[in-house]
Amino acid sequence: PIEKQKFKNSEGNDILFSKITEEDDIKSATRIYNA
């Protein structure tokens, strides 16, 4: 599940998807995950 995957936020830090708050970061992570 996407919630268990880590992505980089706008500050460049690895963070769980469930912890991401910025809309652009959410869209970016979702695009990565879907691909």
PDB file of all heavy atoms in Angstrom:
ATOM      1  N   PRO A   1       0.821  -1.225   0.000  1.00  0.00           N
ATOM      2  CA  PRO A   1       0.000   0.000   0.000  1.00  0.00           C
ATOM      3  C   PRO A   1       0.845   1.262   0.000  1.00  0.00           C
ATOM      4  O   PRO A   1       1.953   1.281   0.548  1.00  0.00           O
ATOM      5  CB  PRO A   1      -0.820  -0.115   1.290  1.00  0.00           C
ATOM      6  CG  PRO A   1      -0.035  -1.037   2.157  1.00  0.00           C
ATOM      7  CD  PRO A   1       0.634  -2.010   1.230  1.00  0.00           C
ATOM      8  N   ILE A   2       0.322   2.284  -0.616  1.00  0.00           N
ATOM      9  CA  ILE A   2       1.062   3.542  -0.732  1.00  0.00           C
ATOM     10  C   ILE A   2       1.389   4.137   0.629  1.00  0.00           C
ATOM     11  O   ILE A   2       2.427   4.773   0.821  1.00  0.00           O
ATOM     12  CB  ILE A   2       0.270   4.551  -1.603  1.00  0.00           C
ATOM     13  CG1 ILE A   2       1.164   5.750  -1.950  1.00  0.00           C
ATOM     14  CG2 ILE A   2      -1.025   4.976  -0.925  1.00  0.00           C
ATOM     15  CD1 ILE A   2       0.529   6.683  -2.984  1.00  0.00           C
ATOM     16  N   GLU A   3       0.523   3.895   1.603  1.00  0.00           N
ATOM     17  CA  GLU A   3       0.716   4.479   2.935  1.00  0.00           C
ATOM     18  C   GLU A   3       1.998   3.987   3.601  1.00  0.00           C
ATOM     19  O   GLU A   3       2.570   4.679   4.448  1.00  0.00           O
ATOM     20  CB  GLU A   3      -0.480   4.136   3.840  1.00  0.00           C
ATOM     21  CG  GLU A   3      -1.771   4.828   3.458  1.00  0.00           C
ATOM     22  CD  GLU A   3      -2.471   4.171   2.281  1.00  0.00           C
ATOM     23  OE1 GLU A   3      -2.088   3.018   1.931  1.00  0.00           O
ATOM     24  OE2 GLU A   3      -3.383   4.799   1.716  1.00  0.00           O
ATOM     25  N   LYS A   4       2.474   2.788   3.202  1.00  0.00           N
ATOM     26  CA  LYS A   4       3.671   2.221   3.827  1.00  0.00           C
ATOM     27  C   LYS A   4       4.962   2.570   3.079  1.00  0.00           C
ATOM     28  O   LYS A   4       6.053   2.171   3.503  1.00  0.00           O
ATOM     29  CB  LYS A   4       3.538   0.707   3.928  1.00  0.00           C
ATOM     30  CG  LYS A   4       2.472   0.247   4.911  1.00  0.00           C
ATOM     31  CD  LYS A   4       2.494  -1.265   5.065  1.00  0.00           C
ATOM     32  CE  LYS A   4       1.464  -1.732   6.084  1.00  0.00           C
ATOM     33  NZ  LYS A   4       1.497  -3.206   6.243  1.00  0.00           N
ATOM     34  N   GLN A   5       4.836   3.290   1.974  1.00  0.00           N
ATOM     35  CA  GLN A   5       6.007   3.633   1.175  1.00  0.00           C
ATOM     36  C   GLN A   5       6.560   4.988   1.595  1.00  0.00           C
ATOM     37  O   GLN A   5       5.810   5.877   1.982  1.00  0.00           O
ATOM     38  CB  GLN A   5       5.651   3.657  -0.312  1.00  0.00           C
ATOM     39  CG  GLN A   5       4.907   2.430  -0.799  1.00  0.00           C
ATOM     40  CD  GLN A   5       5.620   1.127  -0.513  1.00  0.00           C
ATOM     41  OE1 GLN A   5       6.840   1.038  -0.615  1.00  0.00           O
ATOM     42  NE2 GLN A   5       4.851   0.106  -0.134  1.00  0.00           N
ATOM     43  N   LYS A   6       7.869   5.103   1.489  1.00  0.00           N
ATOM     44  CA  LYS A   6       8.524   6.370   1.819  1.00  0.00           C
ATOM     45  C   LYS A   6       8.822   7.161   0.547  1.00  0.00           C
ATOM     46  O   LYS A   6       9.242   6.601  -0.466  1.00  0.00           O
ATOM     47  CB  LYS A   6       9.820   6.121   2.594  1.00  0.00           C
ATOM     48  CG  LYS A   6       9.597   5.638   4.023  1.00  0.00           C
ATOM     49  CD  LYS A   6      10.919   5.533   4.774  1.00  0.00           C
ATOM     50  CE  LYS A   6      10.699   5.143   6.223  1.00  0.00           C
ATOM     51  NZ  LYS A   6      11.972   5.051   6.986  1.00  0.00           N
ATOM     52  N   PHE A   7       8.605   8.475   0.643  1.00  0.00           N
ATOM     53  CA  PHE A   7       8.873   9.378  -0.468  1.00  0.00           C
ATOM     54  C   PHE A   7       9.577  10.609   0.064  1.00  0.00           C
ATOM     55  O   PHE A   7       9.530  10.892   1.267  1.00  0.00           O
ATOM     56  CB  PHE A   7       7.555   9.792  -1.150  1.00  0.00           C
ATOM     57  CG  PHE A   7       6.747   8.644  -1.655  1.00  0.00           C
ATOM     58  CD1 PHE A   7       5.799   8.028  -0.839  1.00  0.00           C
ATOM     59  CD2 PHE A   7       6.942   8.163  -2.933  1.00  0.00           C
ATOM     60  CE1 PHE A   7       5.048   6.954  -1.306  1.00  0.00           C
ATOM     61  CE2 PHE A   7       6.194   7.089  -3.410  1.00  0.00           C
ATOM     62  CZ  PHE A   7       5.252   6.487  -2.598  1.00  0.00           C
ATOM     63  N   LYS A   8      10.218  11.340  -0.832  1.00  0.00           N
ATOM     64  CA  LYS A   8      10.885  12.570  -0.406  1.00  0.00           C
ATOM     65  C   LYS A   8       9.885  13.713  -0.431  1.00  0.00           C
ATOM     66  O   LYS A   8       9.158  13.896  -1.400  1.00  0.00           O
ATOM     67  CB  LYS A   8      12.081  12.875  -1.310  1.00  0.00           C
ATOM     68  CG  LYS A   8      13.222  11.875  -1.142  1.00  0.00           C
ATOM     69  CD  LYS A   8      14.489  12.377  -1.779  1.00  0.00           C
ATOM     70  CE  LYS A   8      15.599  11.345  -1.625  1.00  0.00           C
ATOM     71  NZ  LYS A   8      15.959  11.110  -0.228  1.00  0.00           N
ATOM     72  N   ASN A   9       9.884  14.495   0.637  1.00  0.00           N
ATOM     73  CA  ASN A   9       9.010  15.666   0.659  1.00  0.00           C
ATOM     74  C   ASN A   9       9.734  16.864   0.048  1.00  0.00           C
ATOM     75  O   ASN A   9      10.845  16.726  -0.478  1.00  0.00           O
ATOM     76  CB  ASN A   9       8.541  15.971   2.089  1.00  0.00           C
ATOM     77  CG  ASN A   9       9.720  16.248   3.037  1.00  0.00           C
ATOM     78  OD1 ASN A   9      10.844  16.488   2.590  1.00  0.00           O
ATOM     79  ND2 ASN A   9       9.457  16.214   4.332  1.00  0.00           N
ATOM     80  N   SER A  10       9.135  18.028   0.099  1.00  0.00           N
ATOM     81  CA  SER A  10       9.710  19.221  -0.535  1.00  0.00           C
ATOM     82  C   SER A  10      11.039  19.620   0.080  1.00  0.00           C
ATOM     83  O   SER A  10      11.827  20.335  -0.526  1.00  0.00           O
ATOM     84  CB  SER A  10       8.719  20.389  -0.460  1.00  0.00           C
ATOM     85  OG  SER A  10       8.257  20.560   0.864  1.00  0.00           O
ATOM     86  N   GLU A  11      11.310  19.162   1.317  1.00  0.00           N
ATOM     87  CA  GLU A  11      12.602  19.464   1.959  1.00  0.00           C
ATOM     88  C   GLU A  11      13.670  18.427   1.620  1.00  0.00           C
ATOM     89  O   GLU A  11      14.815  18.537   2.052  1.00  0.00           O
ATOM     90  CB  GLU A  11      12.448  19.524   3.491  1.00  0.00           C
ATOM     91  CG  GLU A  11      11.766  20.786   4.004  1.00  0.00           C
ATOM     92  CD  GLU A  11      10.260  20.714   3.857  1.00  0.00           C
ATOM     93  OE1 GLU A  11       9.678  19.623   4.046  1.00  0.00           O
ATOM     94  OE2 GLU A  11       9.656  21.737   3.500  1.00  0.00           O
ATOM     95  N   GLY A  12      13.278  17.400   0.868  1.00  0.00           N
ATOM     96  CA  GLY A  12      14.240  16.380   0.480  1.00  0.00           C
ATOM     97  C   GLY A  12      14.414  15.270   1.485  1.00  0.00           C
ATOM     98  O   GLY A  12      15.339  14.460   1.380  1.00  0.00           O
ATOM     99  N   ASN A  13      13.532  15.182   2.470  1.00  0.00           N
ATOM    100  CA  ASN A  13      13.613  14.141   3.494  1.00  0.00           C
ATOM    101  C   ASN A  13      12.693  12.974   3.167  1.00  0.00           C
ATOM    102  O   ASN A  13      11.602  13.163   2.627  1.00  0.00           O
ATOM    103  CB  ASN A  13      13.226  14.719   4.862  1.00  0.00           C
ATOM    104  CG  ASN A  13      14.136  15.863   5.278  1.00  0.00           C
ATOM    105  OD1 ASN A  13      15.356  15.785   5.100  1.00  0.00           O
ATOM    106  ND2 ASN A  13      13.556  16.925   5.805  1.00  0.00           N
ATOM    107  N   ASP A  14      13.147  11.743   3.511  1.00  0.00           N
ATOM    108  CA  ASP A  14      12.295  10.570   3.323  1.00  0.00           C
ATOM    109  C   ASP A  14      11.202  10.570   4.374  1.00  0.00           C
ATOM    110  O   ASP A  14      11.473  10.745   5.575  1.00  0.00           O
ATOM    111  CB  ASP A  14      13.118   9.282   3.442  1.00  0.00           C
ATOM    112  CG  ASP A  14      13.958   9.026   2.208  1.00  0.00           C
ATOM    113  OD1 ASP A  14      13.514   9.405   1.114  1.00  0.00           O
ATOM    114  OD2 ASP A  14      15.055   8.474   2.343  1.00  0.00           O
ATOM    115  N   ILE A  15       9.975  10.354   3.940  1.00  0.00           N
ATOM    116  CA  ILE A  15       8.838  10.402   4.847  1.00  0.00           C
ATOM    117  C   ILE A  15       7.751   9.458   4.353  1.00  0.00           C
ATOM    118  O   ILE A  15       7.575   9.273   3.142  1.00  0.00           O
ATOM    119  CB  ILE A  15       8.297  11.855   4.950  1.00  0.00           C
ATOM    120  CG1 ILE A  15       7.181  11.945   5.993  1.00  0.00           C
ATOM    121  CG2 ILE A  15       7.832  12.367   3.608  1.00  0.00           C
ATOM    122  CD1 ILE A  15       6.745  13.381   6.274  1.00  0.00           C
ATOM    123  N   LEU A  16       7.047   8.797   5.266  1.00  0.00           N
ATOM    124  CA  LEU A  16       5.947   7.931   4.887  1.00  0.00           C
ATOM    125  C   LEU A  16       4.859   8.735   4.172  1.00  0.00           C
ATOM    126  O   LEU A  16       4.600   9.884   4.532  1.00  0.00           O
ATOM    127  CB  LEU A  16       5.349   7.248   6.116  1.00  0.00           C
ATOM    128  CG  LEU A  16       6.149   6.090   6.728  1.00  0.00           C
ATOM    129  CD1 LEU A  16       5.531   5.676   8.061  1.00  0.00           C
ATOM    130  CD2 LEU A  16       6.193   4.896   5.777  1.00  0.00           C
ATOM    131  N   PHE A  17       4.233   8.113   3.205  1.00  0.00           N
ATOM    132  CA  PHE A  17       3.180   8.795   2.459  1.00  0.00           C
ATOM    133  C   PHE A  17       2.098   9.330   3.396  1.00  0.00           C
ATOM    134  O   PHE A  17       1.572  10.433   3.208  1.00  0.00           O
ATOM    135  CB  PHE A  17       2.564   7.847   1.435  1.00  0.00           C
ATOM    136  CG  PHE A  17       1.475   8.475   0.615  1.00  0.00           C
ATOM    137  CD1 PHE A  17       1.779   9.233  -0.501  1.00  0.00           C
ATOM    138  CD2 PHE A  17       0.136   8.325   0.965  1.00  0.00           C
ATOM    139  CE1 PHE A  17       0.776   9.828  -1.265  1.00  0.00           C
ATOM    140  CE2 PHE A  17      -0.876   8.908   0.213  1.00  0.00           C
ATOM    141  CZ  PHE A  17      -0.554   9.666  -0.899  1.00  0.00           C
ATOM    142  N   SER A  18       1.767   8.544   4.411  1.00  0.00           N
ATOM    143  CA  SER A  18       0.704   8.936   5.347  1.00  0.00           C
ATOM    144  C   SER A  18       1.048  10.193   6.137  1.00  0.00           C
ATOM    145  O   SER A  18       0.167  10.834   6.715  1.00  0.00           O
ATOM    146  CB  SER A  18       0.400   7.786   6.310  1.00  0.00           C
ATOM    147  OG  SER A  18       1.579   7.383   6.987  1.00  0.00           O
ATOM    148  N   LYS A  19       2.333  10.562   6.143  1.00  0.00           N
ATOM    149  CA  LYS A  19       2.776  11.747   6.898  1.00  0.00           C
ATOM    150  C   LYS A  19       2.911  12.993   6.011  1.00  0.00           C
ATOM    151  O   LYS A  19       3.158  14.092   6.502  1.00  0.00           O
ATOM    152  CB  LYS A  19       4.135  11.473   7.561  1.00  0.00           C
ATOM    153  CG  LYS A  19       4.162  10.249   8.465  1.00  0.00           C
ATOM    154  CD  LYS A  19       3.450  10.496   9.776  1.00  0.00           C
ATOM    155  CE  LYS A  19       3.639   9.318  10.730  1.00  0.00           C
ATOM    156  NZ  LYS A  19       2.922   9.530  12.001  1.00  0.00           N
ATOM    157  N   ILE A  20       2.789  12.820   4.693  1.00  0.00           N
ATOM    158  CA  ILE A  20       2.945  13.949   3.772  1.00  0.00           C
ATOM    159  C   ILE A  20       1.724  14.865   3.867  1.00  0.00           C
ATOM    160  O   ILE A  20       0.578  14.402   3.882  1.00  0.00           O
ATOM    161  CB  ILE A  20       3.120  13.460   2.325  1.00  0.00           C
ATOM    162  CG1 ILE A  20       4.367  12.573   2.201  1.00  0.00           C
ATOM    163  CG2 ILE A  20       3.247  14.634   1.364  1.00  0.00           C
ATOM    164  CD1 ILE A  20       4.542  11.948   0.837  1.00  0.00           C
ATOM    165  N   THR A  21       1.978  16.160   3.909  1.00  0.00           N
ATOM    166  CA  THR A  21       0.882  17.127   4.056  1.00  0.00           C
ATOM    167  C   THR A  21       0.737  18.062   2.858  1.00  0.00           C
ATOM    168  O   THR A  21      -0.373  18.498   2.551  1.00  0.00           O
ATOM    169  CB  THR A  21       1.091  17.976   5.326  1.00  0.00           C
ATOM    170  OG1 THR A  21       2.380  18.622   5.252  1.00  0.00           O
ATOM    171  CG2 THR A  21       1.026  17.104   6.570  1.00  0.00           C
ATOM    172  N   GLU A  22       1.842  18.366   2.181  1.00  0.00           N
ATOM    173  CA  GLU A  22       1.787  19.284   1.043  1.00  0.00           C
ATOM    174  C   GLU A  22       1.103  18.616  -0.157  1.00  0.00           C
ATOM    175  O   GLU A  22       1.410  17.480  -0.519  1.00  0.00           O
ATOM    176  CB  GLU A  22       3.199  19.729   0.638  1.00  0.00           C
ATOM    177  CG  GLU A  22       3.923  20.559   1.681  1.00  0.00           C
ATOM    178  CD  GLU A  22       3.303  21.939   1.855  1.00  0.00           C
ATOM    179  OE1 GLU A  22       2.716  22.445   0.867  1.00  0.00           O
ATOM    180  OE2 GLU A  22       3.397  22.484   2.966  1.00  0.00           O
ATOM    181  N   GLU A  23       0.178  19.345  -0.790  1.00  0.00           N
ATOM    182  CA  GLU A  23      -0.591  18.780  -1.902  1.00  0.00           C
ATOM    183  C   GLU A  23       0.296  18.378  -3.071  1.00  0.00           C
ATOM    184  O   GLU A  23       0.107  17.314  -3.677  1.00  0.00           O
ATOM    185  CB  GLU A  23      -1.634  19.797  -2.378  1.00  0.00           C
ATOM    186  CG  GLU A  23      -2.557  19.235  -3.465  1.00  0.00           C
ATOM    187  CD  GLU A  23      -3.646  20.221  -3.866  1.00  0.00           C
ATOM    188  OE1 GLU A  23      -3.839  21.224  -3.158  1.00  0.00           O
ATOM    189  OE2 GLU A  23      -4.282  19.969  -4.900  1.00  0.00           O
ATOM    190  N   ASP A  24       1.296  19.214  -3.406  1.00  0.00           N
ATOM    191  CA  ASP A  24       2.195  18.897  -4.513  1.00  0.00           C
ATOM    192  C   ASP A  24       2.998  17.635  -4.219  1.00  0.00           C
ATOM    193  O   ASP A  24       3.251  16.816  -5.117  1.00  0.00           O
ATOM    194  CB  ASP A  24       3.144  20.058  -4.797  1.00  0.00           C
ATOM    195  CG  ASP A  24       2.449  21.202  -5.530  1.00  0.00           C
ATOM    196  OD1 ASP A  24       1.313  20.989  -6.006  1.00  0.00           O
ATOM    197  OD2 ASP A  24       3.032  22.300  -5.609  1.00  0.00           O
ATOM    198  N   ASP A  25       3.422  17.486  -2.963  1.00  0.00           N
ATOM    199  CA  ASP A  25       4.177  16.303  -2.575  1.00  0.00           C
ATOM    200  C   ASP A  25       3.313  15.048  -2.648  1.00  0.00           C
ATOM    201  O   ASP A  25       3.782  13.968  -3.020  1.00  0.00           O
ATOM    202  CB  ASP A  25       4.739  16.463  -1.159  1.00  0.00           C
ATOM    203  CG  ASP A  25       5.831  17.512  -1.083  1.00  0.00           C
ATOM    204  OD1 ASP A  25       6.378  17.870  -2.139  1.00  0.00           O
ATOM    205  OD2 ASP A  25       6.130  17.986   0.034  1.00  0.00           O
ATOM    206  N   ILE A  26       2.043  15.177  -2.293  1.00  0.00           N
ATOM    207  CA  ILE A  26       1.114  14.048  -2.374  1.00  0.00           C
ATOM    208  C   ILE A  26       0.927  13.625  -3.823  1.00  0.00           C
ATOM    209  O   ILE A  26       0.969  12.440  -4.160  1.00  0.00           O
ATOM    210  CB  ILE A  26      -0.245  14.420  -1.735  1.00  0.00           C
ATOM    211  CG1 ILE A  26      -0.081  14.591  -0.219  1.00  0.00           C
ATOM    212  CG2 ILE A  26      -1.293  13.357  -2.044  1.00  0.00           C
ATOM    213  CD1 ILE A  26      -1.315  15.111   0.478  1.00  0.00           C
ATOM    214  N   LYS A  27       0.749  14.608  -4.717  1.00  0.00           N
ATOM    215  CA  LYS A  27       0.583  14.304  -6.145  1.00  0.00           C
ATOM    216  C   LYS A  27       1.827  13.637  -6.712  1.00  0.00           C
ATOM    217  O   LYS A  27       1.744  12.682  -7.488  1.00  0.00           O
ATOM    218  CB  LYS A  27       0.284  15.588  -6.921  1.00  0.00           C
ATOM    219  CG  LYS A  27      -1.109  16.151  -6.683  1.00  0.00           C
ATOM    220  CD  LYS A  27      -1.313  17.413  -7.522  1.00  0.00           C
ATOM    221  CE  LYS A  27      -2.711  17.986  -7.312  1.00  0.00           C
ATOM    222  NZ  LYS A  27      -2.910  19.226  -8.106  1.00  0.00           N
ATOM    223  N   SER A  28       2.981  14.150  -6.315  1.00  0.00           N
ATOM    224  CA  SER A  28       4.248  13.606  -6.799  1.00  0.00           C
ATOM    225  C   SER A  28       4.431  12.164  -6.340  1.00  0.00           C
ATOM    226  O   SER A  28       4.784  11.287  -7.135  1.00  0.00           O
ATOM    227  CB  SER A  28       5.405  14.473  -6.302  1.00  0.00           C
ATOM    228  OG  SER A  28       6.642  13.943  -6.693  1.00  0.00           O
ATOM    229  N   ALA A  29       4.178  11.924  -5.062  1.00  0.00           N
ATOM    230  CA  ALA A  29       4.327  10.574  -4.507  1.00  0.00           C
ATOM    231  C   ALA A  29       3.344   9.605  -5.153  1.00  0.00           C
ATOM    232  O   ALA A  29       3.691   8.454  -5.466  1.00  0.00           O
ATOM    233  CB  ALA A  29       4.121  10.605  -3.001  1.00  0.00           C
ATOM    234  N   THR A  30       2.136  10.064  -5.391  1.00  0.00           N
ATOM    235  CA  THR A  30       1.120   9.218  -6.022  1.00  0.00           C
ATOM    236  C   THR A  30       1.531   8.850  -7.436  1.00  0.00           C
ATOM    237  O   THR A  30       1.354   7.702  -7.881  1.00  0.00           O
ATOM    238  CB  THR A  30      -0.243   9.937  -6.040  1.00  0.00           C
ATOM    239  OG1 THR A  30      -0.614  10.275  -4.696  1.00  0.00           O
ATOM    240  CG2 THR A  30      -1.313   9.047  -6.659  1.00  0.00           C
ATOM    241  N   ARG A  31       2.098   9.798  -8.165  1.00  0.00           N
ATOM    242  CA  ARG A  31       2.567   9.541  -9.529  1.00  0.00           C
ATOM    243  C   ARG A  31       3.679   8.481  -9.522  1.00  0.00           C
ATOM    244  O   ARG A  31       3.681   7.561 -10.353  1.00  0.00           O
ATOM    245  CB  ARG A  31       3.058  10.856 -10.139  1.00  0.00           C
ATOM    246  CG  ARG A  31       3.334  10.796 -11.615  1.00  0.00           C
ATOM    247  CD  ARG A  31       3.317  12.167 -12.282  1.00  0.00           C
ATOM    248  NE  ARG A  31       3.998  13.182 -11.512  1.00  0.00           N
ATOM    249  CZ  ARG A  31       3.436  14.331 -11.105  1.00  0.00           C
ATOM    250  NH1 ARG A  31       2.177  14.602 -11.400  1.00  0.00           N
ATOM    251  NH2 ARG A  31       4.125  15.219 -10.410  1.00  0.00           N
ATOM    252  N   ILE A  32       4.611   8.616  -8.612  1.00  0.00           N
ATOM    253  CA  ILE A  32       5.706   7.646  -8.487  1.00  0.00           C
ATOM    254  C   ILE A  32       5.152   6.260  -8.174  1.00  0.00           C
ATOM    255  O   ILE A  32       5.525   5.259  -8.798  1.00  0.00           O
ATOM    256  CB  ILE A  32       6.685   8.084  -7.374  1.00  0.00           C
ATOM    257  CG1 ILE A  32       7.421   9.360  -7.768  1.00  0.00           C
ATOM    258  CG2 ILE A  32       7.677   6.963  -7.058  1.00  0.00           C
ATOM    259  CD1 ILE A  32       8.187   9.998  -6.614  1.00  0.00           C
ATOM    260  N   TYR A  33       4.265   6.204  -7.226  1.00  0.00           N
ATOM    261  CA  TYR A  33       3.704   4.930  -6.764  1.00  0.00           C
ATOM    262  C   TYR A  33       2.928   4.240  -7.881  1.00  0.00           C
ATOM    263  O   TYR A  33       3.109   3.035  -8.132  1.00  0.00           O
ATOM    264  CB  TYR A  33       2.798   5.190  -5.563  1.00  0.00           C
ATOM    265  CG  TYR A  33       2.087   3.964  -5.049  1.00  0.00           C
ATOM    266  CD1 TYR A  33       2.754   3.017  -4.269  1.00  0.00           C
ATOM    267  CD2 TYR A  33       0.738   3.743  -5.331  1.00  0.00           C
ATOM    268  CE1 TYR A  33       2.099   1.889  -3.788  1.00  0.00           C
ATOM    269  CE2 TYR A  33       0.073   2.625  -4.864  1.00  0.00           C
ATOM    270  CZ  TYR A  33       0.757   1.699  -4.093  1.00  0.00           C
ATOM    271  OH  TYR A  33       0.109   0.588  -3.610  1.00  0.00           O
ATOM    272  N   ASN A  34       2.093   4.984  -8.565  1.00  0.00           N
ATOM    273  CA  ASN A  34       1.272   4.387  -9.623  1.00  0.00           C
ATOM    274  C   ASN A  34       2.132   3.821 -10.751  1.00  0.00           C
ATOM    275  O   ASN A  34       1.852   2.739 -11.288  1.00  0.00           O
ATOM    276  CB  ASN A  34       0.291   5.420 -10.181  1.00  0.00           C
ATOM    277  CG  ASN A  34      -0.828   5.743  -9.206  1.00  0.00           C
ATOM    278  OD1 ASN A  34      -1.098   4.977  -8.279  1.00  0.00           O
ATOM    279  ND2 ASN A  34      -1.492   6.878  -9.406  1.00  0.00           N
ATOM    280  N   ALA A  35       3.185   4.549 -11.126  1.00  0.00           N
ATOM    281  CA  ALA A  35       4.087   4.062 -12.184  1.00  0.00           C
ATOM    282  C   ALA A  35       4.801   2.788 -11.745  1.00  0.00           C
ATOM    283  O   ALA A  35       4.979   1.851 -12.532  1.00  0.00           O
ATOM    284  CB  ALA A  35       5.100   5.148 -12.542  1.00  0.00           C
TER     285      ALA A  35
END
